[in-house]
PDB file of N, CA and C in Angstrom:
ATOM      1  N   MET A   1     -60.712 -81.742  -4.265  1.00  0.00           N
ATOM      2  CA  MET A   1     -60.427 -83.037  -4.841  1.00  0.00           C
ATOM      3  C   MET A   1     -59.016 -83.452  -4.466  1.00  0.00           C
ATOM      4  N   LYS A   2     -58.815 -84.753  -4.376  1.00  0.00           N
ATOM      5  CA  LYS A   2     -57.510 -85.308  -4.032  1.00  0.00           C
ATOM      6  C   LYS A   2     -57.160 -86.422  -5.011  1.00  0.00           C
ATOM      7  N   LEU A   3     -55.865 -86.629  -5.180  1.00  0.00           N
ATOM      8  CA  LEU A   3     -55.363 -87.759  -5.952  1.00  0.00           C
ATOM      9  C   LEU A   3     -54.728 -88.710  -4.970  1.00  0.00           C
ATOM     10  N   ILE A   4     -55.277 -89.913  -4.892  1.00  0.00           N
ATOM     11  CA  ILE A   4     -54.729 -90.948  -4.025  1.00  0.00           C
ATOM     12  C   ILE A   4     -53.861 -91.846  -4.887  1.00  0.00           C
ATOM     13  N   THR A   5     -52.598 -91.996  -4.492  1.00  0.00           N
ATOM     14  CA  THR A   5     -51.675 -92.892  -5.170  1.00  0.00           C
ATOM     15  C   THR A   5     -51.336 -94.000  -4.178  1.00  0.00           C
ATOM     16  N   ALA A   6     -51.631 -95.222  -4.551  1.00  0.00           N
ATOM     17  CA  ALA A   6     -51.360 -96.365  -3.679  1.00  0.00           C
ATOM     18  C   ALA A   6     -50.408 -97.314  -4.389  1.00  0.00           C
ATOM     19  N   ILE A   7     -49.340 -97.681  -3.705  1.00  0.00           N
ATOM     20  CA  ILE A   7     -48.399 -98.671  -4.213  1.00  0.00           C
ATOM     21  C   ILE A   7     -48.659 -99.941  -3.410  1.00  0.00           C
ATOM     22  N   ILE A   8     -49.118-100.989  -4.087  1.00  0.00           N
ATOM     23  CA  ILE A   8     -49.548-102.208  -3.388  1.00  0.00           C
ATOM     24  C   ILE A   8     -48.981-103.441  -4.086  1.00  0.00           C
ATOM     25  N   LYS A   9     -49.203-104.594  -3.460  1.00  0.00           N
ATOM     26  CA  LYS A   9     -48.835-105.859  -4.093  1.00  0.00           C
ATOM     27  C   LYS A   9     -49.772-106.088  -5.282  1.00  0.00           C
ATOM     28  N   PRO A  10     -49.223-106.538  -6.413  1.00  0.00           N
ATOM     29  CA  PRO A  10     -50.032-106.642  -7.636  1.00  0.00           C
ATOM     30  C   PRO A  10     -51.284-107.516  -7.508  1.00  0.00           C
ATOM     31  N   PHE A  11     -51.203-108.595  -6.770  1.00  0.00           N
ATOM     32  CA  PHE A  11     -52.351-109.497  -6.678  1.00  0.00           C
ATOM     33  C   PHE A  11     -53.475-108.931  -5.824  1.00  0.00           C
ATOM     34  N   LYS A  12     -53.247-107.794  -5.175  1.00  0.00           N
ATOM     35  CA  LYS A  12     -54.283-107.140  -4.365  1.00  0.00           C
ATOM     36  C   LYS A  12     -55.049-106.069  -5.154  1.00  0.00           C
ATOM     37  N   ALA A  13     -54.629-105.780  -6.385  1.00  0.00           N
ATOM     38  CA  ALA A  13     -55.238-104.696  -7.159  1.00  0.00           C
ATOM     39  C   ALA A  13     -56.727-104.925  -7.416  1.00  0.00           C
ATOM     40  N   GLU A  14     -57.107-106.135  -7.743  1.00  0.00           N
ATOM     41  CA  GLU A  14     -58.520-106.434  -8.009  1.00  0.00           C
ATOM     42  C   GLU A  14     -59.367-106.268  -6.744  1.00  0.00           C
ATOM     43  N   ASP A  15     -58.813-106.660  -5.597  1.00  0.00           N
ATOM     44  CA  ASP A  15     -59.521-106.480  -4.323  1.00  0.00           C
ATOM     45  C   ASP A  15     -59.756-104.997  -4.045  1.00  0.00           C
ATOM     46  N   VAL A  16     -58.756-104.164  -4.342  1.00  0.00           N
ATOM     47  CA  VAL A  16     -58.893-102.722  -4.134  1.00  0.00           C
ATOM     48  C   VAL A  16     -59.928-102.153  -5.097  1.00  0.00           C
ATOM     49  N   ARG A  17     -59.917-102.607  -6.349  1.00  0.00           N
ATOM     50  CA  ARG A  17     -60.910-102.132  -7.322  1.00  0.00           C
ATOM     51  C   ARG A  17     -62.323-102.421  -6.828  1.00  0.00           C
ATOM     52  N   GLU A  18     -62.543-103.628  -6.315  1.00  0.00           N
ATOM     53  CA  GLU A  18     -63.858-103.982  -5.781  1.00  0.00           C
ATOM     54  C   GLU A  18     -64.217-103.117  -4.578  1.00  0.00           C
ATOM     55  N   ALA A  19     -63.252-102.859  -3.712  1.00  0.00           N
ATOM     56  CA  ALA A  19     -63.496-102.021  -2.529  1.00  0.00           C
ATOM     57  C   ALA A  19     -63.859-100.601  -2.944  1.00  0.00           C
ATOM     58  N   MET A  20     -63.228-100.084  -3.985  1.00  0.00           N
ATOM     59  CA  MET A  20     -63.551 -98.741  -4.478  1.00  0.00           C
ATOM     60  C   MET A  20     -64.970 -98.707  -5.041  1.00  0.00           C
ATOM     61  N   SER A  21     -65.350 -99.738  -5.764  1.00  0.00           N
ATOM     62  CA  SER A  21     -66.710 -99.810  -6.319  1.00  0.00           C
ATOM     63  C   SER A  21     -67.751 -99.811  -5.214  1.00  0.00           C
ATOM     64  N   GLU A  22     -67.468-100.501  -4.118  1.00  0.00           N
ATOM     65  CA  GLU A  22     -68.409-100.589  -2.999  1.00  0.00           C
ATOM     66  C   GLU A  22     -68.677 -99.243  -2.350  1.00  0.00           C
ATOM     67  N   ILE A  23     -67.701 -98.329  -2.382  1.00  0.00           N
ATOM     68  CA  ILE A  23     -67.921 -97.017  -1.762  1.00  0.00           C
ATOM     69  C   ILE A  23     -68.290 -95.951  -2.794  1.00  0.00           C
ATOM     70  N   GLY A  24     -68.516 -96.373  -4.035  1.00  0.00           N
ATOM     71  CA  GLY A  24     -69.013 -95.454  -5.049  1.00  0.00           C
ATOM     72  C   GLY A  24     -67.953 -94.782  -5.911  1.00  0.00           C
ATOM     73  N   ILE A  25     -66.719 -95.257  -5.851  1.00  0.00           N
ATOM     74  CA  ILE A  25     -65.660 -94.708  -6.698  1.00  0.00           C
ATOM     75  C   ILE A  25     -65.540 -95.612  -7.911  1.00  0.00           C
ATOM     76  N   SER A  26     -65.770 -95.040  -9.100  1.00  0.00           N
ATOM     77  CA  SER A  26     -65.885 -95.877 -10.286  1.00  0.00           C
ATOM     78  C   SER A  26     -64.661 -95.876 -11.190  1.00  0.00           C
ATOM     79  N   GLY A  27     -63.685 -95.037 -10.935  1.00  0.00           N
ATOM     80  CA  GLY A  27     -62.553 -94.990 -11.839  1.00  0.00           C
ATOM     81  C   GLY A  27     -61.221 -94.994 -11.125  1.00  0.00           C
ATOM     82  N   MET A  28     -60.258 -95.682 -11.727  1.00  0.00           N
ATOM     83  CA  MET A  28     -58.894 -95.656 -11.228  1.00  0.00           C
ATOM     84  C   MET A  28     -57.962 -96.106 -12.333  1.00  0.00           C
ATOM     85  N   THR A  29     -56.705 -95.774 -12.200  1.00  0.00           N
ATOM     86  CA  THR A  29     -55.699 -96.164 -13.173  1.00  0.00           C
ATOM     87  C   THR A  29     -54.678 -97.042 -12.476  1.00  0.00           C
ATOM     88  N   MET A  30     -54.294 -98.143 -13.123  1.00  0.00           N
ATOM     89  CA  MET A  30     -53.282 -99.031 -12.556  1.00  0.00           C
ATOM     90  C   MET A  30     -52.089 -99.103 -13.489  1.00  0.00           C
ATOM     91  N   THR A  31     -50.910 -99.004 -12.910  1.00  0.00           N
ATOM     92  CA  THR A  31     -49.664 -99.148 -13.648  1.00  0.00           C
ATOM     93  C   THR A  31     -48.840-100.224 -12.956  1.00  0.00           C
ATOM     94  N   GLU A  32     -48.239-101.095 -13.735  1.00  0.00           N
ATOM     95  CA  GLU A  32     -47.333-102.092 -13.163  1.00  0.00           C
ATOM     96  C   GLU A  32     -45.972-101.425 -13.004  1.00  0.00           C
ATOM     97  N   VAL A  33     -45.468-101.411 -11.776  1.00  0.00           N
ATOM     98  CA  VAL A  33     -44.198-100.757 -11.471  1.00  0.00           C
ATOM     99  C   VAL A  33     -43.313-101.719 -10.685  1.00  0.00           C
ATOM    100  N   LYS A  34     -42.092-101.310 -10.459  1.00  0.00           N
ATOM    101  CA  LYS A  34     -41.175-102.077  -9.610  1.00  0.00           C
ATOM    102  C   LYS A  34     -40.581-101.135  -8.594  1.00  0.00           C
ATOM    103  N   GLY A  35     -40.313-101.643  -7.401  1.00  0.00           N
ATOM    104  CA  GLY A  35     -39.737-100.802  -6.371  1.00  0.00           C
ATOM    105  C   GLY A  35     -39.357-101.617  -5.155  1.00  0.00           C
ATOM    106  N   PHE A  36     -38.828-100.927  -4.156  1.00  0.00           N
ATOM    107  CA  PHE A  36     -38.509-101.570  -2.900  1.00  0.00           C
ATOM    108  C   PHE A  36     -38.543-100.549  -1.791  1.00  0.00           C
ATOM    109  N   GLY A  37     -38.732-101.029  -0.604  1.00  0.00           N
ATOM    110  CA  GLY A  37     -38.721-100.194   0.591  1.00  0.00           C
ATOM    111  C   GLY A  37     -38.082-101.010   1.694  1.00  0.00           C
ATOM    112  N   ARG A  38     -38.748-101.100   2.810  1.00  0.00           N
ATOM    113  CA  ARG A  38     -38.223-101.921   3.905  1.00  0.00           C
ATOM    114  C   ARG A  38     -38.171-103.392   3.540  1.00  0.00           C
ATOM    115  N   GLN A  39     -39.028-103.781   2.604  1.00  0.00           N
ATOM    116  CA  GLN A  39     -39.070-105.175   2.175  1.00  0.00           C
ATOM    117  C   GLN A  39     -37.764-105.570   1.499  1.00  0.00           C
ATOM    118  N   LYS A  40     -37.070-104.571   0.964  1.00  0.00           N
ATOM    119  CA  LYS A  40     -35.844-104.758   0.204  1.00  0.00           C
ATOM    120  C   LYS A  40     -36.081-105.742  -0.918  1.00  0.00           C
ATOM    121  N   GLY A  41     -35.105-106.488  -1.291  1.00  0.00           N
ATOM    122  CA  GLY A  41     -35.268-107.466  -2.367  1.00  0.00           C
ATOM    123  C   GLY A  41     -35.260-108.871  -1.810  1.00  0.00           C
ATOM    124  N   HIS A  42     -35.039-109.822  -2.692  1.00  0.00           N
ATOM    125  CA  HIS A  42     -34.912-111.201  -2.259  1.00  0.00           C
ATOM    126  C   HIS A  42     -34.032-111.951  -3.251  1.00  0.00           C
ATOM    127  N   THR A  43     -33.616-113.137  -2.864  1.00  0.00           N
ATOM    128  CA  THR A  43     -32.757-113.951  -3.714  1.00  0.00           C
ATOM    129  C   THR A  43     -33.580-115.051  -4.357  1.00  0.00           C
ATOM    130  N   GLU A  44     -33.373-115.257  -5.651  1.00  0.00           N
ATOM    131  CA  GLU A  44     -34.055-116.337  -6.363  1.00  0.00           C
ATOM    132  C   GLU A  44     -33.014-117.260  -6.975  1.00  0.00           C
ATOM    133  N   LEU A  45     -33.404-118.509  -7.132  1.00  0.00           N
ATOM    134  CA  LEU A  45     -32.545-119.503  -7.746  1.00  0.00           C
ATOM    135  C   LEU A  45     -33.052-119.777  -9.151  1.00  0.00           C
ATOM    136  N   TYR A  46     -32.184-119.607 -10.157  1.00  0.00           N
ATOM    137  CA  TYR A  46     -32.570-119.859 -11.540  1.00  0.00           C
ATOM    138  C   TYR A  46     -31.476-120.679 -12.201  1.00  0.00           C
ATOM    139  N   ARG A  47     -31.831-121.874 -12.618  1.00  0.00           N
ATOM    140  CA  ARG A  47     -30.882-122.797 -13.265  1.00  0.00           C
ATOM    141  C   ARG A  47     -29.610-122.975 -12.448  1.00  0.00           C
ATOM    142  N   GLY A  48     -29.789-123.098 -11.152  1.00  0.00           N
ATOM    143  CA  GLY A  48     -28.671-123.375 -10.263  1.00  0.00           C
ATOM    144  C   GLY A  48     -27.879-122.160  -9.824  1.00  0.00           C
ATOM    145  N   ALA A  49     -28.192-120.993 -10.333  1.00  0.00           N
ATOM    146  CA  ALA A  49     -27.468-119.777  -9.954  1.00  0.00           C
ATOM    147  C   ALA A  49     -28.391-118.876  -9.136  1.00  0.00           C
ATOM    148  N   GLU A  50     -27.808-118.212  -8.153  1.00  0.00           N
ATOM    149  CA  GLU A  50     -28.584-117.296  -7.319  1.00  0.00           C
ATOM    150  C   GLU A  50     -28.576-115.898  -7.934  1.00  0.00           C
ATOM    151  N   TYR A  51     -29.731-115.265  -7.936  1.00  0.00           N
ATOM    152  CA  TYR A  51     -29.876-113.901  -8.427  1.00  0.00           C
ATOM    153  C   TYR A  51     -30.546-113.068  -7.345  1.00  0.00           C
ATOM    154  N   VAL A  52     -30.039-111.866  -7.145  1.00  0.00           N
ATOM    155  CA  VAL A  52     -30.654-110.950  -6.191  1.00  0.00           C
ATOM    156  C   VAL A  52     -31.634-110.073  -6.962  1.00  0.00           C
ATOM    157  N   ILE A  53     -32.885-110.095  -6.529  1.00  0.00           N
ATOM    158  CA  ILE A  53     -33.928-109.271  -7.128  1.00  0.00           C
ATOM    159  C   ILE A  53     -34.109-108.053  -6.219  1.00  0.00           C
ATOM    160  N   ASP A  54     -33.605-106.896  -6.663  1.00  0.00           N
ATOM    161  CA  ASP A  54     -33.674-105.687  -5.836  1.00  0.00           C
ATOM    162  C   ASP A  54     -35.029-104.994  -5.940  1.00  0.00           C
ATOM    163  N   PHE A  55     -35.571-104.918  -7.148  1.00  0.00           N
ATOM    164  CA  PHE A  55     -36.840-104.234  -7.352  1.00  0.00           C
ATOM    165  C   PHE A  55     -37.944-105.272  -7.484  1.00  0.00           C
ATOM    166  N   LEU A  56     -38.937-105.160  -6.611  1.00  0.00           N
ATOM    167  CA  LEU A  56     -40.039-106.117  -6.590  1.00  0.00           C
ATOM    168  C   LEU A  56     -41.221-105.574  -7.385  1.00  0.00           C
ATOM    169  N   PRO A  57     -41.991-106.448  -8.045  1.00  0.00           N
ATOM    170  CA  PRO A  57     -43.158-105.980  -8.797  1.00  0.00           C
ATOM    171  C   PRO A  57     -44.229-105.426  -7.854  1.00  0.00           C
ATOM    172  N   LYS A  58     -44.769-104.290  -8.219  1.00  0.00           N
ATOM    173  CA  LYS A  58     -45.834-103.633  -7.452  1.00  0.00           C
ATOM    174  C   LYS A  58     -46.874-103.109  -8.428  1.00  0.00           C
ATOM    175  N   ALA A  59     -48.033-102.760  -7.896  1.00  0.00           N
ATOM    176  CA  ALA A  59     -49.074-102.102  -8.686  1.00  0.00           C
ATOM    177  C   ALA A  59     -49.223-100.686  -8.141  1.00  0.00           C
ATOM    178  N   LYS A  60     -49.235 -99.714  -9.044  1.00  0.00           N
ATOM    179  CA  LYS A  60     -49.439 -98.318  -8.653  1.00  0.00           C
ATOM    180  C   LYS A  60     -50.847 -97.931  -9.088  1.00  0.00           C
ATOM    181  N   LEU A  61     -51.684 -97.607  -8.111  1.00  0.00           N
ATOM    182  CA  LEU A  61     -53.064 -97.217  -8.377  1.00  0.00           C
ATOM    183  C   LEU A  61     -53.188 -95.711  -8.189  1.00  0.00           C
ATOM    184  N   GLU A  62     -53.829 -95.062  -9.137  1.00  0.00           N
ATOM    185  CA  GLU A  62     -54.094 -93.631  -9.030  1.00  0.00           C
ATOM    186  C   GLU A  62     -55.600 -93.431  -9.084  1.00  0.00           C
ATOM    187  N   ILE A  63     -56.122 -92.784  -8.033  1.00  0.00           N
ATOM    188  CA  ILE A  63     -57.567 -92.644  -7.886  1.00  0.00           C
ATOM    189  C   ILE A  63     -57.875 -91.194  -7.538  1.00  0.00           C
ATOM    190  N   ALA A  64     -58.636 -90.526  -8.384  1.00  0.00           N
ATOM    191  CA  ALA A  64     -59.068 -89.155  -8.111  1.00  0.00           C
ATOM    192  C   ALA A  64     -60.397 -89.228  -7.367  1.00  0.00           C
ATOM    193  N   VAL A  65     -60.470 -88.557  -6.221  1.00  0.00           N
ATOM    194  CA  VAL A  65     -61.688 -88.619  -5.403  1.00  0.00           C
ATOM    195  C   VAL A  65     -62.065 -87.231  -4.902  1.00  0.00           C
ATOM    196  N   ALA A  66     -63.350 -87.077  -4.612  1.00  0.00           N
ATOM    197  CA  ALA A  66     -63.841 -85.854  -3.979  1.00  0.00           C
ATOM    198  C   ALA A  66     -63.323 -85.821  -2.544  1.00  0.00           C
ATOM    199  N   ASP A  67     -63.146 -84.621  -1.999  1.00  0.00           N
ATOM    200  CA  ASP A  67     -62.590 -84.465  -0.654  1.00  0.00           C
ATOM    201  C   ASP A  67     -63.329 -85.295   0.398  1.00  0.00           C
ATOM    202  N   GLU A  68     -64.650 -85.367   0.281  1.00  0.00           N
ATOM    203  CA  GLU A  68     -65.425 -86.073   1.310  1.00  0.00           C
ATOM    204  C   GLU A  68     -65.268 -87.590   1.262  1.00  0.00           C
ATOM    205  N   LEU A  69     -64.676 -88.119   0.199  1.00  0.00           N
ATOM    206  CA  LEU A  69     -64.488 -89.574   0.091  1.00  0.00           C
ATOM    207  C   LEU A  69     -63.070 -90.038   0.410  1.00  0.00           C
ATOM    208  N   VAL A  70     -62.161 -89.115   0.701  1.00  0.00           N
ATOM    209  CA  VAL A  70     -60.752 -89.465   0.894  1.00  0.00           C
ATOM    210  C   VAL A  70     -60.559 -90.464   2.027  1.00  0.00           C
ATOM    211  N   ASP A  71     -61.119 -90.177   3.192  1.00  0.00           N
ATOM    212  CA  ASP A  71     -60.918 -91.066   4.342  1.00  0.00           C
ATOM    213  C   ASP A  71     -61.515 -92.446   4.100  1.00  0.00           C
ATOM    214  N   GLN A  72     -62.694 -92.488   3.484  1.00  0.00           N
ATOM    215  CA  GLN A  72     -63.321 -93.775   3.154  1.00  0.00           C
ATOM    216  C   GLN A  72     -62.453 -94.560   2.177  1.00  0.00           C
ATOM    217  N   ALA A  73     -61.911 -93.882   1.186  1.00  0.00           N
ATOM    218  CA  ALA A  73     -61.082 -94.543   0.178  1.00  0.00           C
ATOM    219  C   ALA A  73     -59.806 -95.100   0.803  1.00  0.00           C
ATOM    220  N   ILE A  74     -59.166 -94.318   1.661  1.00  0.00           N
ATOM    221  CA  ILE A  74     -57.936 -94.779   2.321  1.00  0.00           C
ATOM    222  C   ILE A  74     -58.227 -96.008   3.177  1.00  0.00           C
ATOM    223  N   GLU A  75     -59.309 -95.949   3.932  1.00  0.00           N
ATOM    224  CA  GLU A  75     -59.691 -97.081   4.776  1.00  0.00           C
ATOM    225  C   GLU A  75     -59.968 -98.326   3.933  1.00  0.00           C
ATOM    226  N   ALA A  76     -60.663 -98.150   2.807  1.00  0.00           N
ATOM    227  CA  ALA A  76     -60.982 -99.281   1.931  1.00  0.00           C
ATOM    228  C   ALA A  76     -59.726 -99.875   1.308  1.00  0.00           C
ATOM    229  N   ILE A  77     -58.778 -99.027   0.916  1.00  0.00           N
ATOM    230  CA  ILE A  77     -57.527 -99.516   0.340  1.00  0.00           C
ATOM    231  C   ILE A  77     -56.739-100.299   1.388  1.00  0.00           C
ATOM    232  N   CYS A  78     -56.638 -99.750   2.579  1.00  0.00           N
ATOM    233  CA  CYS A  78     -55.902-100.435   3.653  1.00  0.00           C
ATOM    234  C   CYS A  78     -56.508-101.798   3.963  1.00  0.00           C
ATOM    235  N   LYS A  79     -57.826-101.851   4.005  1.00  0.00           N
ATOM    236  CA  LYS A  79     -58.501-103.106   4.311  1.00  0.00           C
ATOM    237  C   LYS A  79     -58.327-104.126   3.186  1.00  0.00           C
ATOM    238  N   ALA A  80     -58.434-103.673   1.935  1.00  0.00           N
ATOM    239  CA  ALA A  80     -58.360-104.583   0.789  1.00  0.00           C
ATOM    240  C   ALA A  80     -56.936-105.013   0.468  1.00  0.00           C
ATOM    241  N   ALA A  81     -55.956-104.126   0.666  1.00  0.00           N
ATOM    242  CA  ALA A  81     -54.580-104.431   0.265  1.00  0.00           C
ATOM    243  C   ALA A  81     -53.709-104.901   1.415  1.00  0.00           C
ATOM    244  N   GLY A  82     -54.190-104.731   2.632  1.00  0.00           N
ATOM    245  CA  GLY A  82     -53.366-105.065   3.789  1.00  0.00           C
ATOM    246  C   GLY A  82     -53.354-106.548   4.124  1.00  0.00           C
ATOM    247  N   SER A  83     -52.172-107.031   4.485  1.00  0.00           N
ATOM    248  CA  SER A  83     -52.041-108.419   4.936  1.00  0.00           C
ATOM    249  C   SER A  83     -51.354-108.475   6.295  1.00  0.00           C
ATOM    250  N   GLY A  84     -50.841-107.313   6.728  1.00  0.00           N
ATOM    251  CA  GLY A  84     -50.100-107.277   7.980  1.00  0.00           C
ATOM    252  C   GLY A  84     -48.639-107.668   7.807  1.00  0.00           C
ATOM    253  N   GLN A  85     -48.240-107.950   6.585  1.00  0.00           N
ATOM    254  CA  GLN A  85     -46.867-108.361   6.298  1.00  0.00           C
ATOM    255  C   GLN A  85     -46.077-107.187   5.711  1.00  0.00           C
ATOM    256  N   ILE A  86     -44.778-107.275   5.814  1.00  0.00           N
ATOM    257  CA  ILE A  86     -43.921-106.258   5.221  1.00  0.00           C
ATOM    258  C   ILE A  86     -44.134-106.255   3.708  1.00  0.00           C
ATOM    259  N   GLY A  87     -44.132-105.068   3.110  1.00  0.00           N
ATOM    260  CA  GLY A  87     -44.315-104.958   1.664  1.00  0.00           C
ATOM    261  C   GLY A  87     -45.748-104.724   1.228  1.00  0.00           C
ATOM    262  N   ASP A  88     -46.664-104.474   2.179  1.00  0.00           N
ATOM    263  CA  ASP A  88     -48.064-104.211   1.813  1.00  0.00           C
ATOM    264  C   ASP A  88     -48.196-102.944   0.980  1.00  0.00           C
ATOM    265  N   GLY A  89     -47.315-101.973   1.185  1.00  0.00           N
ATOM    266  CA  GLY A  89     -47.324-100.786   0.343  1.00  0.00           C
ATOM    267  C   GLY A  89     -47.493 -99.488   1.088  1.00  0.00           C
ATOM    268  N   LYS A  90     -47.775 -98.448   0.323  1.00  0.00           N
ATOM    269  CA  LYS A  90     -47.945 -97.098   0.862  1.00  0.00           C
ATOM    270  C   LYS A  90     -49.061 -96.392   0.116  1.00  0.00           C
ATOM    271  N   ILE A  91     -49.619 -95.378   0.778  1.00  0.00           N
ATOM    272  CA  ILE A  91     -50.650 -94.534   0.165  1.00  0.00           C
ATOM    273  C   ILE A  91     -50.189 -93.085   0.288  1.00  0.00           C
ATOM    274  N   PHE A  92     -50.265 -92.362  -0.826  1.00  0.00           N
ATOM    275  CA  PHE A  92     -49.925 -90.944  -0.852  1.00  0.00           C
ATOM    276  C   PHE A  92     -51.173 -90.175  -1.280  1.00  0.00           C
ATOM    277  N   VAL A  93     -51.453 -89.061  -0.614  1.00  0.00           N
ATOM    278  CA  VAL A  93     -52.602 -88.228  -0.969  1.00  0.00           C
ATOM    279  C   VAL A  93     -52.079 -86.837  -1.317  1.00  0.00           C
ATOM    280  N   THR A  94     -52.438 -86.365  -2.516  1.00  0.00           N
ATOM    281  CA  THR A  94     -52.015 -85.039  -2.949  1.00  0.00           C
ATOM    282  C   THR A  94     -53.235 -84.244  -3.415  1.00  0.00           C
ATOM    283  N   ALA A  95     -53.116 -82.928  -3.326  1.00  0.00           N
ATOM    284  CA  ALA A  95     -54.198 -82.053  -3.767  1.00  0.00           C
ATOM    285  C   ALA A  95     -54.309 -82.106  -5.288  1.00  0.00           C
ATOM    286  N   LEU A  96     -55.536 -82.066  -5.770  1.00  0.00           N
ATOM    287  CA  LEU A  96     -55.813 -82.105  -7.204  1.00  0.00           C
ATOM    288  C   LEU A  96     -56.484 -80.782  -7.551  1.00  0.00           C
ATOM    289  N   GLU A  97     -55.794 -79.935  -8.274  1.00  0.00           N
ATOM    290  CA  GLU A  97     -56.298 -78.588  -8.544  1.00  0.00           C
ATOM    291  C   GLU A  97     -57.473 -78.566  -9.507  1.00  0.00           C
ATOM    292  N   GLN A  98     -57.391 -79.336 -10.579  1.00  0.00           N
ATOM    293  CA  GLN A  98     -58.446 -79.270 -11.575  1.00  0.00           C
ATOM    294  C   GLN A  98     -58.580 -80.627 -12.263  1.00  0.00           C
ATOM    295  N   THR A  99     -59.812 -80.950 -12.639  1.00  0.00           N
ATOM    296  CA  THR A  99     -60.099 -82.163 -13.391  1.00  0.00           C
ATOM    297  C   THR A  99     -61.038 -81.788 -14.526  1.00  0.00           C
ATOM    298  N   VAL A 100     -60.786 -82.337 -15.704  1.00  0.00           N
ATOM    299  CA  VAL A 100     -61.631 -82.063 -16.863  1.00  0.00           C
ATOM    300  C   VAL A 100     -61.935 -83.384 -17.561  1.00  0.00           C
ATOM    301  N   ARG A 101     -63.220 -83.649 -17.792  1.00  0.00           N
ATOM    302  CA  ARG A 101     -63.609 -84.808 -18.594  1.00  0.00           C
ATOM    303  C   ARG A 101     -63.517 -84.368 -20.055  1.00  0.00           C
ATOM    304  N   ILE A 102     -62.648 -84.986 -20.817  1.00  0.00           N
ATOM    305  CA  ILE A 102     -62.380 -84.560 -22.193  1.00  0.00           C
ATOM    306  C   ILE A 102     -63.629 -84.642 -23.059  1.00  0.00           C
ATOM    307  N   ARG A 103     -64.375 -85.721 -22.958  1.00  0.00           N
ATOM    308  CA  ARG A 103     -65.542 -85.930 -23.829  1.00  0.00           C
ATOM    309  C   ARG A 103     -66.597 -84.842 -23.671  1.00  0.00           C
ATOM    310  N   THR A 104     -66.926 -84.463 -22.436  1.00  0.00           N
ATOM    311  CA  THR A 104     -68.031 -83.545 -22.206  1.00  0.00           C
ATOM    312  C   THR A 104     -67.601 -82.135 -21.787  1.00  0.00           C
ATOM    313  N   GLY A 105     -66.353 -81.999 -21.369  1.00  0.00           N
ATOM    314  CA  GLY A 105     -65.891 -80.690 -20.889  1.00  0.00           C
ATOM    315  C   GLY A 105     -66.254 -80.419 -19.438  1.00  0.00           C
ATOM    316  N   GLU A 106     -66.871 -81.396 -18.748  1.00  0.00           N
ATOM    317  CA  GLU A 106     -67.203 -81.216 -17.328  1.00  0.00           C
ATOM    318  C   GLU A 106     -65.917 -81.005 -16.536  1.00  0.00           C
ATOM    319  N   THR A 107     -66.023 -80.229 -15.461  1.00  0.00           N
ATOM    320  CA  THR A 107     -64.843 -79.939 -14.647  1.00  0.00           C
ATOM    321  C   THR A 107     -65.125 -80.236 -13.180  1.00  0.00           C
ATOM    322  N   GLY A 108     -64.066 -80.264 -12.384  1.00  0.00           N
ATOM    323  CA  GLY A 108     -64.190 -80.478 -10.937  1.00  0.00           C
ATOM    324  C   GLY A 108     -64.748 -81.843 -10.596  1.00  0.00           C
ATOM    325  N   ASN A 109     -65.534 -81.896  -9.515  1.00  0.00           N
ATOM    326  CA  ASN A 109     -66.120 -83.160  -9.068  1.00  0.00           C
ATOM    327  C   ASN A 109     -67.015 -83.799 -10.121  1.00  0.00           C
ATOM    328  N   ASP A 110     -67.636 -82.998 -10.969  1.00  0.00           N
ATOM    329  CA  ASP A 110     -68.491 -83.535 -12.030  1.00  0.00           C
ATOM    330  C   ASP A 110     -67.694 -84.385 -13.020  1.00  0.00           C
ATOM    331  N   ALA A 111     -66.413 -84.091 -13.154  1.00  0.00           N
ATOM    332  CA  ALA A 111     -65.569 -84.837 -14.097  1.00  0.00           C
ATOM    333  C   ALA A 111     -65.098 -86.168 -13.528  1.00  0.00           C
ATOM    334  N   LEU A 112     -65.249 -86.343 -12.234  1.00  0.00           N
ATOM    335  CA  LEU A 112     -64.824 -87.605 -11.627  1.00  0.00           C
ATOM    336  C   LEU A 112     -65.831 -88.674 -11.919  1.00  0.00           C
TER     337      LEU A 112
END
């Protein structure tokens, strides 16, 4: 099992959720976060004064998947969240040692 963590533009989160459903992945967690990378920040004008916004709003998606679905999930995320513009985000894949469904006690892939 793997844990896929994707940092994407917030308005793309629903598109990614739909893409995950299409390939049979039914669960994910979304957190609203702020960050920056190559996109850096930007300047905004508020009541005549300029403000530098260093941390941009992002959505952090965490998706636990079976090993055989990792490549499909990454491809679906890239397709759904990608615009070809700077700031599209990043995907991190880490090993997931154990998963337990609290309600039933199921473990491993059965808990996903």
